[in-house]
Amino acid sequence: MTFVEYITQPSGFGKTRWPVAIMIHLFGALSIYYTYKQSWWALLGLAPVVLLWYGTYMNYTKRWV
């Protein structure tokens, strides 16, 4: 199974269910949209999305269980 197949499973985004993954991505996008004038706050909006992708990759490589 490739990483793309792993994140596009019908059961969810890796081990995260689809509704939760969508809410995390929307929260990050809305945080960046509403705080784009204060650049460092916008970077905080990226944190949940980056952590979701990092955790999903770590689960895919079986470094975390």
C-alpha atoms as a PDB file:
ATOM      1  CA  MET A   1       0.000   0.000   0.000  1.00  0.00           C
ATOM      2  CA  THR A   2       1.392   3.390  -0.953  1.00  0.00           C
ATOM      3  CA  PHE A   3       1.067   6.517   1.174  1.00  0.00           C
ATOM      4  CA  VAL A   4      -1.586   7.923  -1.180  1.00  0.00           C
ATOM      5  CA  GLU A   5      -3.638   4.745  -0.807  1.00  0.00           C
ATOM      6  CA  TYR A   6      -3.157   4.935   2.964  1.00  0.00           C
ATOM      7  CA  ILE A   7      -4.510   8.482   3.275  1.00  0.00           C
ATOM      8  CA  THR A   8      -7.422   7.894   0.895  1.00  0.00           C
ATOM      9  CA  GLN A   9      -8.907   4.840   2.578  1.00  0.00           C
ATOM     10  CA  PRO A  10     -12.703   4.698   2.733  1.00  0.00           C
ATOM     11  CA  SER A  11     -12.468   4.395   6.525  1.00  0.00           C
ATOM     12  CA  GLY A  12     -10.551   7.648   6.888  1.00  0.00           C
ATOM     13  CA  PHE A  13      -7.380   9.686   6.524  1.00  0.00           C
ATOM     14  CA  GLY A  14      -4.906   7.075   7.736  1.00  0.00           C
ATOM     15  CA  LYS A  15      -6.169   6.220  11.236  1.00  0.00           C
ATOM     16  CA  THR A  16      -8.112   9.485  11.554  1.00  0.00           C
ATOM     17  CA  ARG A  17     -11.761   9.389  10.530  1.00  0.00           C
ATOM     18  CA  TRP A  18     -12.730  11.594   7.584  1.00  0.00           C
ATOM     19  CA  PRO A  19     -14.972  14.061   9.485  1.00  0.00           C
ATOM     20  CA  VAL A  20     -12.193  14.767  11.985  1.00  0.00           C
ATOM     21  CA  ALA A  21      -9.546  15.153   9.271  1.00  0.00           C
ATOM     22  CA  ILE A  22     -11.797  17.562   7.357  1.00  0.00           C
ATOM     23  CA  MET A  23     -12.436  19.616  10.508  1.00  0.00           C
ATOM     24  CA  ILE A  24      -8.685  19.838  11.190  1.00  0.00           C
ATOM     25  CA  HIS A  25      -7.995  21.025   7.642  1.00  0.00           C
ATOM     26  CA  LEU A  26     -10.855  23.547   7.784  1.00  0.00           C
ATOM     27  CA  PHE A  27      -9.691  24.866  11.155  1.00  0.00           C
ATOM     28  CA  GLY A  28      -6.192  25.381   9.766  1.00  0.00           C
ATOM     29  CA  ALA A  29      -7.473  27.087   6.626  1.00  0.00           C
ATOM     30  CA  LEU A  30      -9.846  29.363   8.545  1.00  0.00           C
ATOM     31  CA  SER A  31      -7.142  30.244  11.060  1.00  0.00           C
ATOM     32  CA  ILE A  32      -4.819  31.291   8.264  1.00  0.00           C
ATOM     33  CA  TYR A  33      -7.591  33.188   6.469  1.00  0.00           C
ATOM     34  CA  TYR A  34      -8.627  35.220   9.509  1.00  0.00           C
ATOM     35  CA  THR A  35      -5.117  35.932  10.812  1.00  0.00           C
ATOM     36  CA  TYR A  36      -3.201  36.520   7.570  1.00  0.00           C
ATOM     37  CA  LYS A  37      -2.284  40.085   8.624  1.00  0.00           C
ATOM     38  CA  GLN A  38      -0.410  38.822  11.690  1.00  0.00           C
ATOM     39  CA  SER A  39       1.951  36.409   9.964  1.00  0.00           C
ATOM     40  CA  TRP A  40       3.078  34.481  13.046  1.00  0.00           C
ATOM     41  CA  TRP A  41      -0.545  33.765  14.050  1.00  0.00           C
ATOM     42  CA  ALA A  42      -1.155  32.409  10.568  1.00  0.00           C
ATOM     43  CA  LEU A  43       1.715  29.991  11.075  1.00  0.00           C
ATOM     44  CA  LEU A  44      -0.020  28.685  14.204  1.00  0.00           C
ATOM     45  CA  GLY A  45      -2.976  27.803  11.985  1.00  0.00           C
ATOM     46  CA  LEU A  46      -0.691  25.457  10.064  1.00  0.00           C
ATOM     47  CA  ALA A  47       0.305  23.518  13.194  1.00  0.00           C
ATOM     48  CA  PRO A  48      -2.741  21.193  13.419  1.00  0.00           C
ATOM     49  CA  VAL A  49      -2.589  20.357   9.713  1.00  0.00           C
ATOM     50  CA  VAL A  50       1.152  19.704   9.764  1.00  0.00           C
ATOM     51  CA  LEU A  51       0.803  17.551  12.880  1.00  0.00           C
ATOM     52  CA  LEU A  52      -2.018  15.554  11.254  1.00  0.00           C
ATOM     53  CA  TRP A  53       0.105  14.847   8.168  1.00  0.00           C
ATOM     54  CA  TYR A  54       3.202  14.071  10.250  1.00  0.00           C
ATOM     55  CA  GLY A  55       1.298  11.673  12.501  1.00  0.00           C
ATOM     56  CA  THR A  56      -0.312   9.994   9.509  1.00  0.00           C
ATOM     57  CA  TYR A  57       3.078   9.492   7.877  1.00  0.00           C
ATOM     58  CA  MET A  58       4.528   8.110  11.116  1.00  0.00           C
ATOM     59  CA  ASN A  59       1.621   5.636  11.346  1.00  0.00           C
ATOM     60  CA  TYR A  60       2.115   4.688   7.685  1.00  0.00           C
ATOM     61  CA  THR A  61       5.804   3.915   8.228  1.00  0.00           C
ATOM     62  CA  LYS A  62       4.900   2.002  11.433  1.00  0.00           C
ATOM     63  CA  ARG A  63       7.211   4.138  13.559  1.00  0.00           C
ATOM     64  CA  TRP A  64       4.164   4.828  15.742  1.00  0.00           C
ATOM     65  CA  VAL A  65       1.371   2.385  16.300  1.00  0.00           C
END
